[in-house]
Amino acid sequence: MNTFAPQPLPDWKRAVLKVGSSLLAADGGGLSPRHALGLAQFVLASRQAGREVVIVSSGAVAAGRGVLPKAGNGGATLVAAISAKQALAALGQAQLIALWQRFFEAPVAQLLLTHDDLRNRRRYLNARSALLALLQLGAVPVVNENDSVAVDELKLGDNDNLAAAVASLVDADLLLIATDIDGLYSGHPGRDPEARPITRIEAITPEVLAMAGEAGALGTGGMRTKLEAAAKAAAAGVATALFCGRNAATVAALGQGVLHGSLFVAQGSRLRARKQWLRHAPVSGRLVIDAGAQAALRRGASLLPGGVRAVEGEFRRGDVLAIHDQSGAALACGLAQYNAKDAARLAGHHSREIAGILGFHYDEAMVHRDDLVLLTGSEGNGEVA
């Protein structure tokens, strides 16, 4: 029985669902559909209601352990090797995707990321474009840490923090963390008889962090990493719901908009958090635009290549650009959809000409409105880094 009182989930249209290894691992190695089924049914019901869900799934290493006994006499040597976890992850990735695919008629798409992919602005933008395109195509994206190559990233809390990063990446409204406990308690519920459920957390303070325990046996993270992930999501304007994925009634209630677990409140809006970052990020180049493009930006539109009169500086796709009017005044900052060379070729042309000029097409905009912030007064950062 869940000891957490019911509370309403925040309204959401797009969510990231993180599923921990403890919910997927079978006794003796490999994967079990026992708890994954209920979570998949929640995803399916959400999709049928017109919502979008990205799954961040652990479990590749556990799946690899199930495959390993069939790998021949080299298995014992592999277990002793330094690269054992990387090899197990590589063995288990196909098994993990196969597990999720069995629950959906829609295609399941795998996207493997490292934290470096999310720190690098160009790869960040590429990953974002890929995930948003998959959602638009009706696929079920399943994201995992690229453990087989990310040697330095196989550490405590990978997929908890990765899920928070993905929530920000796709502009999710909600981060759902499915785990093997009911939620956050004031102390360890198995050791502290005074431990009480914490249903709503307005801010993750040192006192809240002190409630966290140690890492779990199967996964790479414990309660502390879930709190770290919730803090990162909150800073990006995304609320986090922590709940027990082993409790069928708890999972079913999510589909009715009810949470039996802990809710971590977002700090401000997603738009404000994203644009605050853009406002203060160092810029790598500059676009000069005409009066028509300036008026379009003020209406909330994207910056199309037809309104660009000059391209200055050396920059890559995903770098931050300053946008100026023809008098030199800073108007906005935003992420480049095209590098400096390609942007210069596109300047002054209609969006429908992009593919003909470049031979490929990322976006119809030079800077998309979701990646752009207008500046006022002296708030702009007009210096090229």
Protein backbone atom coordinates (compact mmCIF):
# COMPACT_ATOMS: atom_id res chain seq x y z
CA MET A 1 0.00 0.00 0.00
CA ASN A 2 1.29 3.45 -0.97
CA THR A 3 1.59 5.76 2.05
CA PHE A 4 1.65 8.93 -0.09
CA ALA A 5 -1.59 10.91 -0.20
CA PRO A 6 -2.94 11.54 -3.72
CA GLN A 7 -2.26 14.90 -5.35
CA PRO A 8 -2.92 16.22 -8.86
CA LEU A 9 -0.17 16.02 -11.46
CA PRO A 10 0.66 19.33 -13.15
CA ASP A 11 -0.94 19.82 -16.55
CA TRP A 12 1.32 18.44 -19.26
CA LYS A 13 1.47 17.81 -22.97
CA ARG A 14 4.99 16.41 -23.22
CA ALA A 15 6.77 14.38 -20.56
CA VAL A 16 9.99 12.45 -20.06
CA LEU A 17 9.57 9.12 -18.24
CA LYS A 18 12.72 7.76 -16.59
CA VAL A 19 12.62 4.04 -15.80
CA GLY A 20 15.27 2.63 -13.49
CA SER A 21 17.10 -0.69 -13.79
CA SER A 22 15.44 -2.05 -10.66
CA LEU A 23 12.09 -2.00 -12.48
CA LEU A 24 13.37 -3.90 -15.51
CA ALA A 25 15.93 -6.39 -14.23
CA ALA A 26 14.94 -10.04 -13.88
CA ASP A 27 16.22 -12.27 -11.12
CA GLY A 28 19.40 -13.94 -12.30
CA GLY A 29 20.06 -11.44 -15.09
CA GLY A 30 18.23 -10.22 -18.15
CA LEU A 31 15.03 -8.19 -18.34
CA SER A 32 11.50 -8.77 -17.08
CA PRO A 33 8.32 -7.16 -18.49
CA ARG A 34 6.56 -7.37 -15.11
CA HIS A 35 6.75 -3.68 -14.17
CA ALA A 36 7.51 -2.32 -17.65
CA LEU A 37 4.05 -3.38 -18.86
CA GLY A 38 2.16 -0.98 -16.59
CA LEU A 39 4.49 1.88 -17.48
CA ALA A 40 4.08 1.13 -21.19
CA GLN A 41 0.30 1.13 -20.77
CA PHE A 42 0.56 4.58 -19.20
CA VAL A 43 2.64 5.78 -22.16
CA LEU A 44 0.17 4.28 -24.62
CA ALA A 45 -2.84 5.88 -22.89
CA SER A 46 -1.03 9.22 -22.81
CA ARG A 47 -0.28 9.02 -26.53
CA GLN A 48 -3.90 8.16 -27.28
CA ALA A 49 -4.88 11.29 -25.34
CA GLY A 50 -2.70 13.41 -27.63
CA ARG A 51 0.28 13.69 -25.31
CA GLU A 52 3.92 12.92 -26.07
CA VAL A 53 6.29 10.82 -23.95
CA VAL A 54 10.02 10.28 -24.26
CA ILE A 55 11.30 7.26 -22.32
CA VAL A 56 14.73 7.40 -20.69
CA SER A 57 15.40 3.77 -19.88
CA SER A 58 18.11 2.13 -17.85
CA GLY A 59 18.56 -1.62 -18.04
CA ALA A 60 21.10 -2.25 -20.79
CA VAL A 61 23.74 -3.54 -18.38
CA ALA A 62 21.18 -5.77 -16.64
CA ALA A 63 20.09 -7.06 -20.05
CA GLY A 64 23.69 -7.74 -20.95
CA ARG A 65 24.12 -9.87 -17.86
CA GLY A 66 21.31 -12.06 -19.15
CA VAL A 67 22.98 -12.43 -22.54
CA LEU A 68 26.49 -13.05 -21.21
CA PRO A 69 26.07 -16.72 -20.18
CA LYS A 70 25.36 -17.44 -23.84
CA ALA A 71 28.48 -15.62 -25.00
CA GLY A 72 30.78 -18.66 -24.77
CA ASN A 73 33.95 -19.35 -22.83
CA GLY A 74 35.09 -15.74 -23.04
CA GLY A 75 32.41 -14.71 -20.56
CA ALA A 76 34.53 -15.18 -17.44
CA THR A 77 37.35 -13.12 -18.92
CA LEU A 78 34.89 -10.38 -19.88
CA VAL A 79 33.48 -10.10 -16.37
CA ALA A 80 37.00 -9.52 -15.02
CA ALA A 81 37.89 -6.88 -17.63
CA ILE A 82 37.94 -3.17 -16.85
CA SER A 83 35.56 -2.59 -19.75
CA ALA A 84 33.00 -5.11 -18.48
CA LYS A 85 30.20 -2.59 -18.00
CA GLN A 86 30.73 -1.12 -21.44
CA ALA A 87 30.63 -4.59 -23.00
CA LEU A 88 27.53 -5.57 -21.02
CA ALA A 89 25.78 -2.38 -22.11
CA ALA A 90 26.61 -3.09 -25.76
CA LEU A 91 25.29 -6.65 -25.41
CA GLY A 92 22.11 -5.47 -23.71
CA GLN A 93 21.02 -2.49 -25.84
CA ALA A 94 19.19 -4.60 -28.42
CA GLN A 95 17.47 -6.58 -25.67
CA LEU A 96 16.35 -3.36 -23.98
CA ILE A 97 14.82 -1.91 -27.14
CA ALA A 98 13.16 -5.24 -27.92
CA LEU A 99 11.53 -5.18 -24.48
CA TRP A 100 9.98 -1.77 -25.10
CA GLN A 101 9.00 -2.55 -28.69
CA ARG A 102 6.87 -5.50 -27.60
CA PHE A 103 4.45 -3.10 -25.87
CA PHE A 104 3.81 -0.71 -28.77
CA GLU A 105 2.48 -0.98 -32.30
CA ALA A 106 4.22 2.30 -33.08
CA PRO A 107 7.93 2.01 -33.88
CA VAL A 108 10.33 2.36 -30.95
CA ALA A 109 13.39 4.48 -31.76
CA GLN A 110 16.62 4.26 -29.81
CA LEU A 111 18.75 7.34 -29.17
CA LEU A 112 22.04 6.88 -27.31
CA LEU A 113 23.51 10.00 -25.74
CA THR A 114 26.49 10.94 -23.63
CA HIS A 115 26.62 13.97 -21.39
CA ASP A 116 29.11 15.45 -23.86
CA ASP A 117 26.38 15.40 -26.51
CA LEU A 118 24.31 17.66 -24.27
CA ARG A 119 27.18 19.98 -23.34
CA ASN A 120 28.18 20.59 -26.95
CA ARG A 121 25.71 23.10 -28.42
CA ARG A 122 25.90 21.72 -31.97
CA ARG A 123 25.29 18.12 -30.89
CA TYR A 124 22.67 19.35 -28.41
CA LEU A 125 20.75 20.96 -31.25
CA ASN A 126 21.13 17.84 -33.42
CA ALA A 127 19.83 15.61 -30.61
CA ARG A 128 16.94 18.00 -29.99
CA SER A 129 16.01 18.01 -33.68
CA ALA A 130 16.13 14.22 -33.85
CA LEU A 131 13.92 13.73 -30.78
CA LEU A 132 11.35 16.31 -31.86
CA ALA A 133 11.23 14.75 -35.34
CA LEU A 134 10.67 11.29 -33.83
CA LEU A 135 7.77 12.62 -31.75
CA GLN A 136 6.29 14.31 -34.81
CA LEU A 137 6.55 11.03 -36.72
CA GLY A 138 4.64 9.21 -33.98
CA ALA A 139 7.54 7.04 -32.83
CA VAL A 140 8.27 6.17 -29.20
CA PRO A 141 11.76 7.52 -28.44
CA VAL A 142 13.80 5.51 -25.93
CA VAL A 143 16.91 7.33 -24.73
CA ASN A 144 19.77 5.73 -22.86
CA GLU A 145 23.26 6.70 -21.83
CA ASN A 146 25.76 5.51 -24.45
CA ASP A 147 27.51 3.38 -21.85
CA SER A 148 29.48 1.31 -24.34
CA VAL A 149 31.64 4.31 -25.32
CA ALA A 150 31.16 6.81 -22.48
CA VAL A 151 33.84 5.38 -20.19
CA ASP A 152 34.02 8.45 -17.94
CA GLU A 153 30.24 8.78 -17.82
CA LEU A 154 29.55 5.39 -16.20
CA LYS A 155 29.18 6.87 -12.76
CA LEU A 156 26.60 7.52 -10.09
CA GLY A 157 23.34 8.96 -11.36
CA ASP A 158 23.87 8.84 -15.11
CA ASN A 159 20.31 8.24 -16.27
CA ASP A 160 18.61 10.27 -13.54
CA ASN A 161 20.57 13.34 -14.56
CA LEU A 162 20.35 12.40 -18.23
CA ALA A 163 16.54 12.34 -17.92
CA ALA A 164 16.57 15.87 -16.49
CA ALA A 165 18.76 17.00 -19.38
CA VAL A 166 16.44 15.35 -21.91
CA ALA A 167 13.42 17.03 -20.29
CA SER A 168 15.08 20.39 -20.90
CA LEU A 169 16.25 19.29 -24.36
CA VAL A 170 12.73 18.57 -25.64
CA ASP A 171 10.96 21.35 -23.69
CA ALA A 172 9.01 18.83 -21.61
CA ASP A 173 6.35 19.99 -19.17
CA LEU A 174 7.01 17.17 -16.72
CA LEU A 175 9.73 14.73 -15.67
CA LEU A 176 8.41 11.41 -14.34
CA ILE A 177 10.90 9.26 -12.40
CA ALA A 178 9.73 5.68 -11.87
CA THR A 179 11.67 3.92 -9.14
CA ASP A 180 11.31 1.10 -6.61
CA ILE A 181 10.22 3.27 -3.66
CA ASP A 182 7.06 5.26 -3.06
CA GLY A 183 8.72 8.67 -2.99
CA LEU A 184 10.88 10.89 -0.80
CA TYR A 185 10.77 10.30 2.95
CA SER A 186 12.20 12.51 5.69
CA GLY A 187 14.47 9.58 6.58
CA HIS A 188 15.12 6.00 5.57
CA PRO A 189 11.67 4.35 6.01
CA GLY A 190 13.25 0.98 6.82
CA ARG A 191 15.52 2.34 9.53
CA ASP A 192 13.84 5.45 10.90
CA PRO A 193 10.45 4.80 12.56
CA GLU A 194 9.81 8.56 12.48
CA ALA A 195 10.31 8.85 8.71
CA ARG A 196 7.35 10.50 7.03
CA PRO A 197 6.36 10.89 3.37
CA ILE A 198 7.26 14.21 1.73
CA THR A 199 4.59 14.77 -0.91
CA ARG A 200 5.48 18.25 -2.18
CA ILE A 201 8.90 19.88 -2.34
CA GLU A 202 8.97 23.58 -3.19
CA ALA A 203 12.78 23.80 -3.30
CA ILE A 204 15.62 21.30 -2.97
CA THR A 205 17.53 22.65 0.00
CA PRO A 206 20.51 21.11 1.85
CA GLU A 207 17.96 19.81 4.37
CA VAL A 208 16.07 18.01 1.60
CA LEU A 209 19.30 16.58 0.18
CA ALA A 210 20.16 15.27 3.64
CA MET A 211 17.10 13.00 3.42
CA ALA A 212 18.66 11.06 0.53
CA GLY A 213 20.12 7.60 0.97
CA GLU A 214 22.86 5.68 -0.81
CA ALA A 215 22.95 4.20 -4.31
CA GLY A 216 20.87 1.15 -5.14
CA ALA A 217 22.35 -2.25 -5.97
CA LEU A 218 21.20 -2.60 -9.57
CA GLY A 219 21.15 0.95 -10.83
CA THR A 220 23.87 3.60 -10.86
CA GLY A 221 21.95 6.10 -8.78
CA GLY A 222 20.14 6.41 -5.49
CA MET A 223 17.77 8.96 -4.01
CA ARG A 224 20.42 11.69 -4.03
CA THR A 225 20.83 11.52 -7.79
CA LYS A 226 17.06 11.70 -8.20
CA LEU A 227 17.04 14.86 -6.11
CA GLU A 228 19.88 16.25 -8.20
CA ALA A 229 17.89 15.49 -11.35
CA ALA A 230 14.77 17.11 -9.90
CA ALA A 231 16.80 20.20 -9.00
CA LYS A 232 18.15 20.47 -12.55
CA ALA A 233 14.68 20.00 -14.01
CA ALA A 234 13.21 22.60 -11.65
CA ALA A 235 15.87 25.12 -12.67
CA ALA A 236 14.86 24.53 -16.30
CA GLY A 237 11.20 25.15 -15.43
CA VAL A 238 10.18 21.47 -15.40
CA ALA A 239 8.31 19.84 -12.50
CA THR A 240 9.35 16.34 -11.40
CA ALA A 241 7.14 13.53 -10.10
CA LEU A 242 8.83 10.68 -8.21
CA PHE A 243 6.76 7.52 -7.76
CA CYS A 244 6.93 3.74 -7.34
CA GLY A 245 6.90 1.98 -10.70
CA ARG A 246 6.33 -1.37 -9.00
CA ASN A 247 2.94 -0.31 -7.65
CA ALA A 248 0.37 -1.00 -10.35
CA ALA A 249 -2.27 1.22 -8.72
CA THR A 250 0.19 4.12 -8.48
CA VAL A 251 1.11 3.80 -12.16
CA ALA A 252 -2.53 3.49 -13.22
CA ALA A 253 -3.43 6.63 -11.24
CA LEU A 254 -0.92 8.65 -13.26
CA GLY A 255 -3.13 8.10 -16.28
CA GLN A 256 -5.94 9.82 -14.35
CA GLY A 257 -3.72 12.78 -13.52
CA VAL A 258 -3.16 11.66 -9.92
CA LEU A 259 0.23 11.24 -8.27
CA HIS A 260 0.90 9.00 -5.28
CA GLY A 261 4.47 10.08 -4.66
CA SER A 262 6.62 13.20 -4.35
CA LEU A 263 6.20 16.29 -6.52
CA PHE A 264 9.13 18.66 -6.99
CA VAL A 265 7.84 22.07 -8.05
CA ALA A 266 9.36 23.86 -11.06
CA GLN A 267 11.17 27.11 -10.40
CA GLY A 268 9.62 29.52 -12.91
CA SER A 269 8.64 28.72 -16.48
CA ARG A 270 10.49 26.62 -19.05
CA LEU A 271 10.55 29.57 -21.44
CA ARG A 272 12.01 31.89 -18.82
CA ALA A 273 14.73 29.42 -17.85
CA ARG A 274 15.75 28.77 -21.46
CA LYS A 275 15.77 32.41 -22.44
CA GLN A 276 17.64 33.43 -19.30
CA TRP A 277 20.46 31.16 -20.44
CA LEU A 278 20.43 32.60 -23.96
CA ARG A 279 20.43 36.16 -22.65
CA HIS A 280 23.75 35.72 -20.87
CA ALA A 281 25.54 33.16 -23.06
CA PRO A 282 28.68 34.28 -24.95
CA VAL A 283 27.97 34.81 -28.65
CA SER A 284 30.06 33.48 -31.53
CA GLY A 285 28.70 35.52 -34.43
CA ARG A 286 26.29 38.20 -35.53
CA LEU A 287 23.37 38.48 -37.94
CA VAL A 288 22.23 41.86 -39.26
CA ILE A 289 18.55 41.95 -40.23
CA ASP A 290 16.21 44.31 -42.05
CA ALA A 291 13.15 46.13 -40.71
CA GLY A 292 10.73 43.45 -41.90
CA ALA A 293 12.57 40.71 -40.02
CA GLN A 294 12.79 42.96 -36.97
CA ALA A 295 9.01 43.42 -36.97
CA ALA A 296 8.53 39.66 -37.38
CA LEU A 297 10.74 38.93 -34.34
CA ARG A 298 8.70 41.34 -32.24
CA ARG A 299 5.58 39.40 -33.22
CA GLY A 300 7.18 36.20 -31.92
CA ALA A 301 8.19 34.75 -35.29
CA SER A 302 11.38 32.91 -36.20
CA LEU A 303 14.20 34.64 -38.07
CA LEU A 304 13.97 33.52 -41.71
CA PRO A 305 16.93 33.83 -44.08
CA GLY A 306 15.13 36.33 -46.31
CA GLY A 307 15.42 39.04 -43.65
CA VAL A 308 19.15 38.57 -43.03
CA ARG A 309 21.31 41.28 -44.61
CA ALA A 310 24.76 40.33 -43.26
CA VAL A 311 26.47 37.41 -41.53
CA GLU A 312 29.51 38.18 -39.36
CA GLY A 313 31.94 35.99 -37.42
CA GLU A 314 32.82 32.31 -37.49
CA PHE A 315 30.23 30.07 -35.88
CA ARG A 316 28.83 26.55 -36.05
CA ARG A 317 25.31 25.21 -35.94
CA GLY A 318 24.13 25.44 -32.33
CA ASP A 319 26.31 28.43 -31.41
CA VAL A 320 24.71 31.53 -29.89
CA LEU A 321 24.36 34.50 -32.22
CA ALA A 322 23.69 38.20 -31.61
CA ILE A 323 21.01 39.65 -33.87
CA HIS A 324 21.32 43.35 -34.77
CA ASP A 325 19.35 45.83 -36.82
CA GLN A 326 21.04 47.73 -39.64
CA SER A 327 21.93 50.62 -37.33
CA GLY A 328 23.98 48.27 -35.15
CA ALA A 329 21.56 48.00 -32.19
CA ALA A 330 21.34 44.57 -30.52
CA LEU A 331 17.85 43.13 -30.86
CA ALA A 332 18.05 39.48 -29.85
CA CYS A 333 20.19 36.41 -29.20
CA GLY A 334 19.52 32.90 -30.48
CA LEU A 335 20.93 29.55 -31.55
CA ALA A 336 22.22 29.22 -35.10
CA GLN A 337 20.47 26.60 -37.22
CA TYR A 338 23.24 26.86 -39.84
CA ASN A 339 26.98 27.53 -39.62
CA ALA A 340 28.52 30.81 -40.75
CA LYS A 341 29.41 29.65 -44.27
CA ASP A 342 25.96 28.21 -44.95
CA ALA A 343 24.20 31.17 -43.32
CA ALA A 344 26.06 33.58 -45.61
CA ARG A 345 24.90 31.60 -48.66
CA LEU A 346 21.29 31.65 -47.43
CA ALA A 347 21.10 35.34 -46.45
CA GLY A 348 18.42 37.18 -48.42
CA HIS A 349 16.91 34.01 -49.89
CA HIS A 350 13.48 32.48 -49.33
CA SER A 351 13.22 29.48 -47.01
CA ARG A 352 11.99 27.25 -49.84
CA GLU A 353 15.36 27.76 -51.57
CA ILE A 354 17.44 26.32 -48.70
CA ALA A 355 17.63 22.73 -49.95
CA GLY A 356 18.46 23.89 -53.47
CA ILE A 357 21.28 26.14 -52.26
CA LEU A 358 22.85 23.86 -49.67
CA GLY A 359 21.76 20.41 -50.78
CA PHE A 360 20.20 19.77 -47.37
CA HIS A 361 17.70 21.37 -45.02
CA TYR A 362 17.80 21.62 -41.20
CA ASP A 363 15.05 24.16 -40.64
CA GLU A 364 13.26 26.89 -42.57
CA ALA A 365 14.55 29.45 -40.06
CA MET A 366 18.03 30.83 -39.54
CA VAL A 367 17.14 31.07 -35.83
CA HIS A 368 13.99 29.32 -34.58
CA ARG A 369 11.68 31.27 -32.30
CA ASP A 370 11.99 28.61 -29.58
CA ASP A 371 15.75 29.29 -29.50
CA LEU A 372 15.55 33.09 -29.54
CA VAL A 373 15.23 35.80 -26.89
CA LEU A 374 14.50 39.46 -27.54
CA LEU A 375 16.68 41.99 -25.75
CA THR A 376 15.68 45.32 -24.25
CA GLY A 377 17.85 48.26 -23.30
CA SER A 378 21.36 47.24 -22.24
CA GLU A 379 20.48 43.61 -21.51
CA GLY A 380 21.89 42.37 -24.79
CA ASN A 381 25.29 40.75 -25.14
CA GLY A 382 26.45 42.21 -28.43
CA GLU A 383 30.12 41.29 -28.23
CA VAL A 384 31.32 38.46 -30.42
CA ALA A 385 33.24 35.92 -28.33
